[in-house]
PDB file of N, CA and C in Angstrom:
ATOM      1  N   MET A   1      83.507 108.984 120.408  1.00  0.00           N
ATOM      2  CA  MET A   1      84.146 109.128 119.108  1.00  0.00           C
ATOM      3  C   MET A   1      83.771 110.483 118.517  1.00  0.00           C
ATOM      4  N   ALA A   2      84.750 111.179 117.996  1.00  0.00           N
ATOM      5  CA  ALA A   2      84.522 112.504 117.424  1.00  0.00           C
ATOM      6  C   ALA A   2      83.746 112.401 116.120  1.00  0.00           C
ATOM      7  N   ASP A   3      82.986 113.440 115.837  1.00  0.00           N
ATOM      8  CA  ASP A   3      82.271 113.485 114.561  1.00  0.00           C
ATOM      9  C   ASP A   3      83.270 113.642 113.420  1.00  0.00           C
ATOM     10  N   VAL A   4      83.070 112.873 112.384  1.00  0.00           N
ATOM     11  CA  VAL A   4      83.946 112.909 111.216  1.00  0.00           C
ATOM     12  C   VAL A   4      83.167 113.520 110.061  1.00  0.00           C
ATOM     13  N   ASP A   5      83.751 114.525 109.419  1.00  0.00           N
ATOM     14  CA  ASP A   5      83.106 115.169 108.277  1.00  0.00           C
ATOM     15  C   ASP A   5      83.382 114.340 107.024  1.00  0.00           C
ATOM     16  N   LEU A   6      82.447 113.480 106.670  1.00  0.00           N
ATOM     17  CA  LEU A   6      82.634 112.582 105.526  1.00  0.00           C
ATOM     18  C   LEU A   6      82.701 113.319 104.192  1.00  0.00           C
ATOM     19  N   SER A   7      82.254 114.567 104.158  1.00  0.00           N
ATOM     20  CA  SER A   7      82.332 115.324 102.902  1.00  0.00           C
ATOM     21  C   SER A   7      83.779 115.649 102.534  1.00  0.00           C
ATOM     22  N   LYS A   8      84.694 115.451 103.464  1.00  0.00           N
ATOM     23  CA  LYS A   8      86.116 115.727 103.222  1.00  0.00           C
ATOM     24  C   LYS A   8      86.900 114.474 102.834  1.00  0.00           C
ATOM     25  N   TYR A   9      86.205 113.368 102.626  1.00  0.00           N
ATOM     26  CA  TYR A   9      86.845 112.111 102.235  1.00  0.00           C
ATOM     27  C   TYR A   9      86.569 111.821 100.766  1.00  0.00           C
ATOM     28  N   ARG A  10      87.583 111.337 100.069  1.00  0.00           N
ATOM     29  CA  ARG A  10      87.438 110.923  98.676  1.00  0.00           C
ATOM     30  C   ARG A  10      88.032 109.528  98.541  1.00  0.00           C
ATOM     31  N   ASN A  11      87.241 108.592  98.062  1.00  0.00           N
ATOM     32  CA  ASN A  11      87.699 107.223  97.836  1.00  0.00           C
ATOM     33  C   ASN A  11      87.916 107.031  96.343  1.00  0.00           C
ATOM     34  N   ILE A  12      89.131 106.685  95.970  1.00  0.00           N
ATOM     35  CA  ILE A  12      89.516 106.605  94.562  1.00  0.00           C
ATOM     36  C   ILE A  12      90.057 105.212  94.261  1.00  0.00           C
ATOM     37  N   GLY A  13      89.462 104.555  93.295  1.00  0.00           N
ATOM     38  CA  GLY A  13      89.974 103.282  92.803  1.00  0.00           C
ATOM     39  C   GLY A  13      90.569 103.502  91.426  1.00  0.00           C
ATOM     40  N   ILE A  14      91.765 103.007  91.206  1.00  0.00           N
ATOM     41  CA  ILE A  14      92.430 103.180  89.913  1.00  0.00           C
ATOM     42  C   ILE A  14      92.406 101.835  89.194  1.00  0.00           C
ATOM     43  N   PHE A  15      91.636 101.788  88.109  1.00  0.00           N
ATOM     44  CA  PHE A  15      91.406 100.562  87.339  1.00  0.00           C
ATOM     45  C   PHE A  15      91.708 100.823  85.869  1.00  0.00           C
ATOM     46  N   ALA A  16      92.467  99.941  85.240  1.00  0.00           N
ATOM     47  CA  ALA A  16      92.754 100.038  83.802  1.00  0.00           C
ATOM     48  C   ALA A  16      93.482  98.762  83.380  1.00  0.00           C
ATOM     49  N   HIS A  17      93.732  98.659  82.082  1.00  0.00           N
ATOM     50  CA  HIS A  17      94.422  97.476  81.563  1.00  0.00           C
ATOM     51  C   HIS A  17      95.898  97.493  81.952  1.00  0.00           C
ATOM     52  N   VAL A  18      96.564  96.379  81.731  1.00  0.00           N
ATOM     53  CA  VAL A  18      97.968  96.223  82.086  1.00  0.00           C
ATOM     54  C   VAL A  18      98.822  97.296  81.399  1.00  0.00           C
ATOM     55  N   ASP A  19      99.795  97.808  82.125  1.00  0.00           N
ATOM     56  CA  ASP A  19     100.746  98.823  81.646  1.00  0.00           C
ATOM     57  C   ASP A  19     100.096 100.147  81.261  1.00  0.00           C
ATOM     58  N   ALA A  20      98.955 100.472  81.855  1.00  0.00           N
ATOM     59  CA  ALA A  20      98.294 101.751  81.568  1.00  0.00           C
ATOM     60  C   ALA A  20      98.838 102.884  82.439  1.00  0.00           C
ATOM     61  N   GLY A  21      99.579 102.554  83.487  1.00  0.00           N
ATOM     62  CA  GLY A  21     100.150 103.580  84.355  1.00  0.00           C
ATOM     63  C   GLY A  21      99.403 103.782  85.661  1.00  0.00           C
ATOM     64  N   LYS A  22      98.698 102.772  86.128  1.00  0.00           N
ATOM     65  CA  LYS A  22      97.928 102.885  87.375  1.00  0.00           C
ATOM     66  C   LYS A  22      98.833 103.146  88.578  1.00  0.00           C
ATOM     67  N   THR A  23      99.864 102.346  88.725  1.00  0.00           N
ATOM     68  CA  THR A  23     100.774 102.507  89.857  1.00  0.00           C
ATOM     69  C   THR A  23     101.578 103.789  89.711  1.00  0.00           C
ATOM     70  N   THR A  24     101.965 104.132  88.507  1.00  0.00           N
ATOM     71  CA  THR A  24     102.681 105.380  88.262  1.00  0.00           C
ATOM     72  C   THR A  24     101.808 106.574  88.634  1.00  0.00           C
ATOM     73  N   THR A  25     100.527 106.512  88.305  1.00  0.00           N
ATOM     74  CA  THR A  25      99.588 107.574  88.673  1.00  0.00           C
ATOM     75  C   THR A  25      99.472 107.680  90.190  1.00  0.00           C
ATOM     76  N   THR A  26      99.376 106.542  90.856  1.00  0.00           N
ATOM     77  CA  THR A  26      99.307 106.533  92.319  1.00  0.00           C
ATOM     78  C   THR A  26     100.563 107.153  92.911  1.00  0.00           C
ATOM     79  N   GLU A  27     101.719 106.786  92.398  1.00  0.00           N
ATOM     80  CA  GLU A  27     102.987 107.349  92.866  1.00  0.00           C
ATOM     81  C   GLU A  27     103.003 108.864  92.700  1.00  0.00           C
ATOM     82  N   ARG A  28     102.532 109.324  91.563  1.00  0.00           N
ATOM     83  CA  ARG A  28     102.530 110.764  91.275  1.00  0.00           C
ATOM     84  C   ARG A  28     101.604 111.511  92.239  1.00  0.00           C
ATOM     85  N   ILE A  29     100.433 110.937  92.521  1.00  0.00           N
ATOM     86  CA  ILE A  29      99.508 111.556  93.479  1.00  0.00           C
ATOM     87  C   ILE A  29     100.168 111.648  94.854  1.00  0.00           C
ATOM     88  N   LEU A  30     100.805 110.567  95.281  1.00  0.00           N
ATOM     89  CA  LEU A  30     101.473 110.566  96.584  1.00  0.00           C
ATOM     90  C   LEU A  30     102.593 111.599  96.641  1.00  0.00           C
ATOM     91  N   LYS A  31     103.312 111.758  95.550  1.00  0.00           N
ATOM     92  CA  LYS A  31     104.394 112.756  95.486  1.00  0.00           C
ATOM     93  C   LYS A  31     103.833 114.170  95.524  1.00  0.00           C
ATOM     94  N   LEU A  32     102.806 114.443  94.721  1.00  0.00           N
ATOM     95  CA  LEU A  32     102.238 115.792  94.652  1.00  0.00           C
ATOM     96  C   LEU A  32     101.567 116.216  95.954  1.00  0.00           C
ATOM     97  N   THR A  33     101.082 115.262  96.726  1.00  0.00           N
ATOM     98  CA  THR A  33     100.439 115.589  98.001  1.00  0.00           C
ATOM     99  C   THR A  33     101.425 115.610  99.168  1.00  0.00           C
ATOM    100  N   GLY A  34     102.680 115.277  98.909  1.00  0.00           N
ATOM    101  CA  GLY A  34     103.699 115.311  99.948  1.00  0.00           C
ATOM    102  C   GLY A  34     103.784 114.055 100.800  1.00  0.00           C
ATOM    103  N   LYS A  35     103.056 113.023 100.443  1.00  0.00           N
ATOM    104  CA  LYS A  35     103.091 111.762 101.210  1.00  0.00           C
ATOM    105  C   LYS A  35     104.442 111.059 101.042  1.00  0.00           C
ATOM    106  N   ILE A  36     105.005 111.136  99.837  1.00  0.00           N
ATOM    107  CA  ILE A  36     106.344 110.602  99.582  1.00  0.00           C
ATOM    108  C   ILE A  36     107.190 111.724  98.989  1.00  0.00           C
ATOM    109  N   HIS A  37     108.496 111.594  99.099  1.00  0.00           N
ATOM    110  CA  HIS A  37     109.390 112.650  98.617  1.00  0.00           C
ATOM    111  C   HIS A  37     110.032 112.326  97.276  1.00  0.00           C
ATOM    112  N   LYS A  38     109.942 111.057  96.874  1.00  0.00           N
ATOM    113  CA  LYS A  38     110.524 110.635  95.598  1.00  0.00           C
ATOM    114  C   LYS A  38     109.563 109.669  94.928  1.00  0.00           C
ATOM    115  N   THR A  39     109.285 109.912  93.656  1.00  0.00           N
ATOM    116  CA  THR A  39     108.416 109.017  92.899  1.00  0.00           C
ATOM    117  C   THR A  39     109.189 107.749  92.573  1.00  0.00           C
ATOM    118  N   GLY A  40     108.685 106.615  93.065  1.00  0.00           N
ATOM    119  CA  GLY A  40     109.338 105.334  92.808  1.00  0.00           C
ATOM    120  C   GLY A  40     109.010 104.810  91.421  1.00  0.00           C
ATOM    121  N   GLU A  41     109.998 104.263  90.750  1.00  0.00           N
ATOM    122  CA  GLU A  41     109.800 103.693  89.421  1.00  0.00           C
ATOM    123  C   GLU A  41     109.319 102.253  89.540  1.00  0.00           C
ATOM    124  N   VAL A  42     108.234 101.940  88.848  1.00  0.00           N
ATOM    125  CA  VAL A  42     107.641 100.605  88.901  1.00  0.00           C
ATOM    126  C   VAL A  42     108.631  99.553  88.425  1.00  0.00           C
ATOM    127  N   HIS A  43     109.262  99.790  87.291  1.00  0.00           N
ATOM    128  CA  HIS A  43     110.147  98.783  86.693  1.00  0.00           C
ATOM    129  C   HIS A  43     111.480  98.649  87.430  1.00  0.00           C
ATOM    130  N   ASP A  44     111.742  99.569  88.353  1.00  0.00           N
ATOM    131  CA  ASP A  44     112.925  99.453  89.205  1.00  0.00           C
ATOM    132  C   ASP A  44     112.584  98.825  90.555  1.00  0.00           C
ATOM    133  N   GLY A  45     111.303  98.485  90.752  1.00  0.00           N
ATOM    134  CA  GLY A  45     110.871  97.870  92.004  1.00  0.00           C
ATOM    135  C   GLY A  45     110.789  98.832  93.169  1.00  0.00           C
ATOM    136  N   GLU A  46     110.596 100.119  92.887  1.00  0.00           N
ATOM    137  CA  GLU A  46     110.609 101.139  93.933  1.00  0.00           C
ATOM    138  C   GLU A  46     109.245 101.747  94.226  1.00  0.00           C
ATOM    139  N   ALA A  47     108.181 101.258  93.601  1.00  0.00           N
ATOM    140  CA  ALA A  47     106.854 101.847  93.793  1.00  0.00           C
ATOM    141  C   ALA A  47     106.344 101.581  95.208  1.00  0.00           C
ATOM    142  N   THR A  48     105.750 102.579  95.804  1.00  0.00           N
ATOM    143  CA  THR A  48     105.242 102.490  97.172  1.00  0.00           C
ATOM    144  C   THR A  48     104.210 101.388  97.336  1.00  0.00           C
ATOM    145  N   THR A  49     103.294 101.259  96.402  1.00  0.00           N
ATOM    146  CA  THR A  49     102.201 100.293  96.545  1.00  0.00           C
ATOM    147  C   THR A  49     102.564  98.889  96.070  1.00  0.00           C
ATOM    148  N   ASP A  50     103.662  98.733  95.377  1.00  0.00           N
ATOM    149  CA  ASP A  50     104.130  97.397  94.986  1.00  0.00           C
ATOM    150  C   ASP A  50     105.135  96.926  96.033  1.00  0.00           C
ATOM    151  N   PHE A  51     104.614  96.414  97.140  1.00  0.00           N
ATOM    152  CA  PHE A  51     105.469  96.073  98.272  1.00  0.00           C
ATOM    153  C   PHE A  51     105.880  94.610  98.320  1.00  0.00           C
ATOM    154  N   MET A  52     105.187  93.734  97.571  1.00  0.00           N
ATOM    155  CA  MET A  52     105.559  92.318  97.559  1.00  0.00           C
ATOM    156  C   MET A  52     106.838  92.118  96.746  1.00  0.00           C
ATOM    157  N   GLU A  53     107.678  91.197  97.188  1.00  0.00           N
ATOM    158  CA  GLU A  53     108.942  90.938  96.499  1.00  0.00           C
ATOM    159  C   GLU A  53     108.718  90.573  95.033  1.00  0.00           C
ATOM    160  N   GLN A  54     107.718  89.743  94.770  1.00  0.00           N
ATOM    161  CA  GLN A  54     107.439  89.323  93.394  1.00  0.00           C
ATOM    162  C   GLN A  54     106.996  90.514  92.530  1.00  0.00           C
ATOM    163  N   GLU A  55     106.244  91.452  93.108  1.00  0.00           N
ATOM    164  CA  GLU A  55     105.834  92.651  92.370  1.00  0.00           C
ATOM    165  C   GLU A  55     107.054  93.492  92.008  1.00  0.00           C
ATOM    166  N   GLN A  56     107.960  93.637  92.949  1.00  0.00           N
ATOM    167  CA  GLN A  56     109.165  94.430  92.718  1.00  0.00           C
ATOM    168  C   GLN A  56     110.066  93.788  91.672  1.00  0.00           C
ATOM    169  N   GLU A  57     110.169  92.466  91.698  1.00  0.00           N
ATOM    170  CA  GLU A  57     111.006  91.760  90.726  1.00  0.00           C
ATOM    171  C   GLU A  57     110.420  91.830  89.321  1.00  0.00           C
ATOM    172  N   ARG A  58     109.099  91.676  89.210  1.00  0.00           N
ATOM    173  CA  ARG A  58     108.443  91.602  87.899  1.00  0.00           C
ATOM    174  C   ARG A  58     108.021  92.966  87.348  1.00  0.00           C
ATOM    175  N   GLY A  59     107.968  93.983  88.205  1.00  0.00           N
ATOM    176  CA  GLY A  59     107.563  95.312  87.754  1.00  0.00           C
ATOM    177  C   GLY A  59     106.083  95.408  87.434  1.00  0.00           C
ATOM    178  N   ILE A  60     105.266  94.589  88.110  1.00  0.00           N
ATOM    179  CA  ILE A  60     103.815  94.620  87.905  1.00  0.00           C
ATOM    180  C   ILE A  60     103.119  94.567  89.265  1.00  0.00           C
ATOM    181  N   THR A  61     101.871  95.025  89.284  1.00  0.00           N
ATOM    182  CA  THR A  61     101.064  94.925  90.495  1.00  0.00           C
ATOM    183  C   THR A  61     100.346  93.583  90.482  1.00  0.00           C
ATOM    184  N   ILE A  62     100.462  92.853  91.578  1.00  0.00           N
ATOM    185  CA  ILE A  62      99.816  91.553  91.712  1.00  0.00           C
ATOM    186  C   ILE A  62      98.663  91.632  92.704  1.00  0.00           C
ATOM    187  N   GLN A  63      98.872  92.374  93.775  1.00  0.00           N
ATOM    188  CA  GLN A  63      97.871  92.495  94.829  1.00  0.00           C
ATOM    189  C   GLN A  63      97.430  93.952  94.945  1.00  0.00           C
ATOM    190  N   SER A  64      96.125  94.175  95.024  1.00  0.00           N
ATOM    191  CA  SER A  64      95.617  95.532  95.217  1.00  0.00           C
ATOM    192  C   SER A  64      96.203  96.108  96.497  1.00  0.00           C
ATOM    193  N   ALA A  65      96.498  97.396  96.471  1.00  0.00           N
ATOM    194  CA  ALA A  65      97.080  98.050  97.638  1.00  0.00           C
ATOM    195  C   ALA A  65      96.340  99.350  97.915  1.00  0.00           C
ATOM    196  N   ALA A  66      96.066  99.589  99.183  1.00  0.00           N
ATOM    197  CA  ALA A  66      95.396 100.821  99.600  1.00  0.00           C
ATOM    198  C   ALA A  66      96.407 101.751 100.252  1.00  0.00           C
ATOM    199  N   THR A  67      96.262 103.023  99.972  1.00  0.00           N
ATOM    200  CA  THR A  67      97.091 104.044 100.593  1.00  0.00           C
ATOM    201  C   THR A  67      96.222 105.283 100.771  1.00  0.00           C
ATOM    202  N   SER A  68      96.713 106.243 101.494  1.00  0.00           N
ATOM    203  CA  SER A  68      95.946 107.471 101.686  1.00  0.00           C
ATOM    204  C   SER A  68      96.890 108.653 101.780  1.00  0.00           C
ATOM    205  N   CYS A  69      96.330 109.831 101.553  1.00  0.00           N
ATOM    206  CA  CYS A  69      97.094 111.060 101.640  1.00  0.00           C
ATOM    207  C   CYS A  69      96.119 112.217 101.864  1.00  0.00           C
ATOM    208  N   GLU A  70      96.660 113.372 102.186  1.00  0.00           N
ATOM    209  CA  GLU A  70      95.856 114.575 102.401  1.00  0.00           C
ATOM    210  C   GLU A  70      96.101 115.536 101.247  1.00  0.00           C
ATOM    211  N   TRP A  71      95.031 116.167 100.787  1.00  0.00           N
ATOM    212  CA  TRP A  71      95.167 117.159  99.717  1.00  0.00           C
ATOM    213  C   TRP A  71      94.052 118.183  99.819  1.00  0.00           C
ATOM    214  N   ASN A  72      94.431 119.436  99.906  1.00  0.00           N
ATOM    215  CA  ASN A  72      93.479 120.545  99.849  1.00  0.00           C
ATOM    216  C   ASN A  72      92.345 120.374 100.870  1.00  0.00           C
ATOM    217  N   GLY A  73      92.689 119.925 102.072  1.00  0.00           N
ATOM    218  CA  GLY A  73      91.700 119.752 103.125  1.00  0.00           C
ATOM    219  C   GLY A  73      90.875 118.484 103.026  1.00  0.00           C
ATOM    220  N   HIS A  74      91.238 117.611 102.101  1.00  0.00           N
ATOM    221  CA  HIS A  74      90.513 116.354 101.914  1.00  0.00           C
ATOM    222  C   HIS A  74      91.442 115.169 102.178  1.00  0.00           C
ATOM    223  N   ARG A  75      90.850 114.093 102.626  1.00  0.00           N
ATOM    224  CA  ARG A  75      91.594 112.837 102.779  1.00  0.00           C
ATOM    225  C   ARG A  75      91.287 111.974 101.566  1.00  0.00           C
ATOM    226  N   LEU A  76      92.332 111.582 100.840  1.00  0.00           N
ATOM    227  CA  LEU A  76      92.190 110.726  99.666  1.00  0.00           C
ATOM    228  C   LEU A  76      92.562 109.299 100.048  1.00  0.00           C
ATOM    229  N   ASN A  77      91.636 108.377  99.885  1.00  0.00           N
ATOM    230  CA  ASN A  77      91.897 106.952 100.062  1.00  0.00           C
ATOM    231  C   ASN A  77      91.993 106.352  98.666  1.00  0.00           C
ATOM    232  N   ILE A  78      93.135 105.791  98.342  1.00  0.00           N
ATOM    233  CA  ILE A  78      93.405 105.322  96.980  1.00  0.00           C
ATOM    234  C   ILE A  78      93.632 103.815  96.987  1.00  0.00           C
ATOM    235  N   ILE A  79      93.005 103.127  96.041  1.00  0.00           N
ATOM    236  CA  ILE A  79      93.268 101.701  95.838  1.00  0.00           C
ATOM    237  C   ILE A  79      93.896 101.540  94.458  1.00  0.00           C
ATOM    238  N   ASP A  80      95.125 101.041  94.444  1.00  0.00           N
ATOM    239  CA  ASP A  80      95.857 100.751  93.206  1.00  0.00           C
ATOM    240  C   ASP A  80      95.649  99.272  92.897  1.00  0.00           C
ATOM    241  N   THR A  81      95.130  98.970  91.721  1.00  0.00           N
ATOM    242  CA  THR A  81      94.779  97.589  91.372  1.00  0.00           C
ATOM    243  C   THR A  81      95.675  97.041  90.269  1.00  0.00           C
ATOM    244  N   PRO A  82      95.772  95.714  90.162  1.00  0.00           N
ATOM    245  CA  PRO A  82      96.529  95.113  89.062  1.00  0.00           C
ATOM    246  C   PRO A  82      95.780  95.255  87.739  1.00  0.00           C
ATOM    247  N   GLY A  83      96.518  95.230  86.651  1.00  0.00           N
ATOM    248  CA  GLY A  83      95.887  95.316  85.340  1.00  0.00           C
ATOM    249  C   GLY A  83      95.933  94.011  84.567  1.00  0.00           C
ATOM    250  N   HIS A  84      96.804  93.110  84.988  1.00  0.00           N
ATOM    251  CA  HIS A  84      96.966  91.849  84.268  1.00  0.00           C
ATOM    252  C   HIS A  84      95.757  90.956  84.496  1.00  0.00           C
ATOM    253  N   VAL A  85      95.283  90.321  83.441  1.00  0.00           N
ATOM    254  CA  VAL A  85      94.080  89.488  83.496  1.00  0.00           C
ATOM    255  C   VAL A  85      94.208  88.345  84.505  1.00  0.00           C
ATOM    256  N   ASP A  86      95.412  87.877  84.764  1.00  0.00           N
ATOM    257  CA  ASP A  86      95.609  86.786  85.727  1.00  0.00           C
ATOM    258  C   ASP A  86      95.237  87.186  87.154  1.00  0.00           C
ATOM    259  N   PHE A  87      95.160  88.482  87.415  1.00  0.00           N
ATOM    260  CA  PHE A  87      94.875  88.960  88.765  1.00  0.00           C
ATOM    261  C   PHE A  87      93.529  89.674  88.836  1.00  0.00           C
ATOM    262  N   THR A  88      92.607  89.283  87.981  1.00  0.00           N
ATOM    263  CA  THR A  88      91.282  89.897  87.924  1.00  0.00           C
ATOM    264  C   THR A  88      90.545  89.804  89.255  1.00  0.00           C
ATOM    265  N   ILE A  89      90.739  88.735  90.002  1.00  0.00           N
ATOM    266  CA  ILE A  89      90.056  88.583  91.289  1.00  0.00           C
ATOM    267  C   ILE A  89      90.421  89.716  92.238  1.00  0.00           C
ATOM    268  N   GLU A  90      91.645  90.221  92.156  1.00  0.00           N
ATOM    269  CA  GLU A  90      92.055  91.352  92.991  1.00  0.00           C
ATOM    270  C   GLU A  90      91.262  92.605  92.634  1.00  0.00           C
ATOM    271  N   VAL A  91      91.046  92.817  91.349  1.00  0.00           N
ATOM    272  CA  VAL A  91      90.260  93.970  90.901  1.00  0.00           C
ATOM    273  C   VAL A  91      88.825  93.825  91.392  1.00  0.00           C
ATOM    274  N   TYR A  92      88.273  92.638  91.258  1.00  0.00           N
ATOM    275  CA  TYR A  92      86.907  92.368  91.709  1.00  0.00           C
ATOM    276  C   TYR A  92      86.757  92.652  93.205  1.00  0.00           C
ATOM    277  N   ARG A  93      87.717  92.206  93.994  1.00  0.00           N
ATOM    278  CA  ARG A  93      87.674  92.452  95.442  1.00  0.00           C
ATOM    279  C   ARG A  93      87.710  93.945  95.742  1.00  0.00           C
ATOM    280  N   SER A  94      88.502  94.682  94.999  1.00  0.00           N
ATOM    281  CA  SER A  94      88.598  96.126  95.207  1.00  0.00           C
ATOM    282  C   SER A  94      87.287  96.822  94.871  1.00  0.00           C
ATOM    283  N   LEU A  95      86.621  96.361  93.832  1.00  0.00           N
ATOM    284  CA  LEU A  95      85.337  96.954  93.458  1.00  0.00           C
ATOM    285  C   LEU A  95      84.282  96.727  94.536  1.00  0.00           C
ATOM    286  N   LYS A  96      84.385  95.629  95.246  1.00  0.00           N
ATOM    287  CA  LYS A  96      83.421  95.337  96.306  1.00  0.00           C
ATOM    288  C   LYS A  96      83.592  96.264  97.505  1.00  0.00           C
ATOM    289  N   VAL A  97      84.771  96.833  97.650  1.00  0.00           N
ATOM    290  CA  VAL A  97      85.021  97.755  98.762  1.00  0.00           C
ATOM    291  C   VAL A  97      84.215  99.007  98.532  1.00  0.00           C
TER     292      VAL A  97
END
């Protein structure tokens, strides 16, 4: 296995209350780094990290989602979490990572 330079990795968890823009922020990061070519609208069901049918229909994040991208020689690992209190266990699981 090749040596991996861990100093070039950044692990980012996005946590905030409901409707704070967590998924929108994730979409914007993915767009600015070139991972996606179009920023998906959460309320239109087009967000990259909201892949479950129920998330797309309701316009909210239900399950934490991990994605990654490259920026300025670094690998960014991003976890987008739900903000609604009903899905607190998902946030807790993400914090344990």
